[in-house]
Structure formats: structure tokens, C-alpha cells
């Protein structure tokens, strides 16, 4: 893969959003038989990163999601 597209659909500054994208990238390609970054990653405080595999690039969409609580 050549390009990584980061699509920040939140109102947080891009430098903050990149931290979420970096977390996903550092976990490696674990979905789609190792061809794609994690399909969907969520954080407890309501942020999600969804990955898409394009022909010549990867796209990470950072958006808000419903916050969850840790079930213990």
C-alpha cells in the first residue's frame, strides 16, 4: 500500500485525531486476512476509527460513536 488517508469527521483538531489513527496503524493489519487495518476500533469516550481498503490506499475514518461502559 502506498497512501494512508485520514478522514477526520469530528471537530477535534487533526493533531489529536492522528493519535487515534496511529494507534490503529501500530496494531498492524489484522482484518481481512491481514490485508487491512482493524475494521473498527472504538474508545470508551466515544471515538471510533473505521478502516477501508481501497485499490491503492488505506482510509481511516475517525468519527464519534456511542460511548460504552466497561462491564465488570
C-alpha atoms as a PDB file:
ATOM      1  CA  UNK A   1       0.000   0.000   0.000  1.00  0.00           C
ATOM      2  CA  UNK A   2       1.164   3.461  -0.763  1.00  0.00           C
ATOM      3  CA  UNK A   3      -1.136   6.038   0.773  1.00  0.00           C
ATOM      4  CA  UNK A   4      -2.909   6.390   4.069  1.00  0.00           C
ATOM      5  CA  UNK A   5      -5.918   8.705   4.000  1.00  0.00           C
ATOM      6  CA  UNK A   6      -7.134  10.016   7.352  1.00  0.00           C
ATOM      7  CA  UNK A   7     -10.707  11.306   7.232  1.00  0.00           C
ATOM      8  CA  UNK A   8     -11.415  13.246  10.427  1.00  0.00           C
ATOM      9  CA  UNK A   9     -15.199  13.610  10.765  1.00  0.00           C
ATOM     10  CA  UNK A  10     -15.040  15.038  14.256  1.00  0.00           C
ATOM     11  CA  UNK A  11     -14.484  18.575  15.466  1.00  0.00           C
ATOM     12  CA  UNK A  12     -11.234  17.662  17.232  1.00  0.00           C
ATOM     13  CA  UNK A  13      -8.022  19.116  15.809  1.00  0.00           C
ATOM     14  CA  UNK A  14      -6.246  16.911  13.284  1.00  0.00           C
ATOM     15  CA  UNK A  15      -3.176  16.557  15.515  1.00  0.00           C
ATOM     16  CA  UNK A  16      -5.404  14.942  18.155  1.00  0.00           C
ATOM     17  CA  UNK A  17      -7.251  12.750  15.635  1.00  0.00           C
ATOM     18  CA  UNK A  18      -3.957  11.429  14.277  1.00  0.00           C
ATOM     19  CA  UNK A  19      -3.262   9.805  17.652  1.00  0.00           C
ATOM     20  CA  UNK A  20      -6.273   7.522  17.106  1.00  0.00           C
ATOM     21  CA  UNK A  21      -5.172   6.675  13.574  1.00  0.00           C
ATOM     22  CA  UNK A  22      -1.652   5.969  14.792  1.00  0.00           C
ATOM     23  CA  UNK A  23      -2.967   3.571  17.422  1.00  0.00           C
ATOM     24  CA  UNK A  24      -4.779   1.572  14.713  1.00  0.00           C
ATOM     25  CA  UNK A  25      -1.767   1.560  12.381  1.00  0.00           C
ATOM     26  CA  UNK A  26       0.595   0.418  15.139  1.00  0.00           C
ATOM     27  CA  UNK A  27      -1.683  -2.573  15.821  1.00  0.00           C
ATOM     28  CA  UNK A  28      -0.976  -3.703  12.265  1.00  0.00           C
ATOM     29  CA  UNK A  29      -3.113  -5.261   9.585  1.00  0.00           C
ATOM     30  CA  UNK A  30      -5.334  -7.667  11.465  1.00  0.00           C
ATOM     31  CA  UNK A  31      -8.559  -7.757   9.431  1.00  0.00           C
ATOM     32  CA  UNK A  32      -9.366  -9.221   6.007  1.00  0.00           C
ATOM     33  CA  UNK A  33      -6.760 -11.980   6.364  1.00  0.00           C
ATOM     34  CA  UNK A  34      -4.017  -9.499   7.293  1.00  0.00           C
ATOM     35  CA  UNK A  35      -4.646  -7.164   4.358  1.00  0.00           C
ATOM     36  CA  UNK A  36      -6.429  -4.398   6.242  1.00  0.00           C
ATOM     37  CA  UNK A  37      -6.186  -2.447   9.468  1.00  0.00           C
ATOM     38  CA  UNK A  38      -8.773  -3.342  12.117  1.00  0.00           C
ATOM     39  CA  UNK A  39     -12.236  -2.937  10.572  1.00  0.00           C
ATOM     40  CA  UNK A  40     -13.466  -0.864  13.509  1.00  0.00           C
ATOM     41  CA  UNK A  41     -11.805   0.332  16.697  1.00  0.00           C
ATOM     42  CA  UNK A  42     -13.708   2.170  19.414  1.00  0.00           C
ATOM     43  CA  UNK A  43     -12.715   4.025  22.536  1.00  0.00           C
ATOM     44  CA  UNK A  44     -14.708   4.243  25.731  1.00  0.00           C
ATOM     45  CA  UNK A  45     -15.153   8.013  25.486  1.00  0.00           C
ATOM     46  CA  UNK A  46     -16.946   7.829  22.129  1.00  0.00           C
ATOM     47  CA  UNK A  47     -14.400   7.852  19.309  1.00  0.00           C
ATOM     48  CA  UNK A  48     -14.238   5.277  16.535  1.00  0.00           C
ATOM     49  CA  UNK A  49     -11.821   4.540  13.707  1.00  0.00           C
ATOM     50  CA  UNK A  50     -13.177   2.527  10.794  1.00  0.00           C
ATOM     51  CA  UNK A  51     -10.807   1.260   8.114  1.00  0.00           C
ATOM     52  CA  UNK A  52     -11.439   0.917   4.408  1.00  0.00           C
ATOM     53  CA  UNK A  53      -9.183  -0.783   1.901  1.00  0.00           C
ATOM     54  CA  UNK A  54      -9.029   0.982  -1.450  1.00  0.00           C
ATOM     55  CA  UNK A  55      -7.177  -0.273  -4.515  1.00  0.00           C
ATOM     56  CA  UNK A  56      -4.058   1.841  -3.895  1.00  0.00           C
ATOM     57  CA  UNK A  57      -4.582   3.207  -0.399  1.00  0.00           C
ATOM     58  CA  UNK A  58      -5.987   2.685   3.060  1.00  0.00           C
ATOM     59  CA  UNK A  59      -8.546   5.074   4.526  1.00  0.00           C
ATOM     60  CA  UNK A  60      -9.169   5.553   8.233  1.00  0.00           C
ATOM     61  CA  UNK A  61     -12.369   7.379   9.142  1.00  0.00           C
ATOM     62  CA  UNK A  62     -12.332   8.948  12.603  1.00  0.00           C
ATOM     63  CA  UNK A  63     -15.789   9.734  13.932  1.00  0.00           C
ATOM     64  CA  UNK A  64     -17.921   9.838  17.039  1.00  0.00           C
ATOM     65  CA  UNK A  65     -19.726   6.749  18.285  1.00  0.00           C
ATOM     66  CA  UNK A  66     -21.894   5.865  21.250  1.00  0.00           C
ATOM     67  CA  UNK A  67     -19.652   5.694  24.348  1.00  0.00           C
ATOM     68  CA  UNK A  68     -19.666   2.373  26.142  1.00  0.00           C
ATOM     69  CA  UNK A  69     -19.109   1.412  29.723  1.00  0.00           C
ATOM     70  CA  UNK A  70     -16.858  -1.381  30.852  1.00  0.00           C
ATOM     71  CA  UNK A  71     -18.973  -4.312  32.007  1.00  0.00           C
ATOM     72  CA  UNK A  72     -17.434  -5.913  35.056  1.00  0.00           C
END
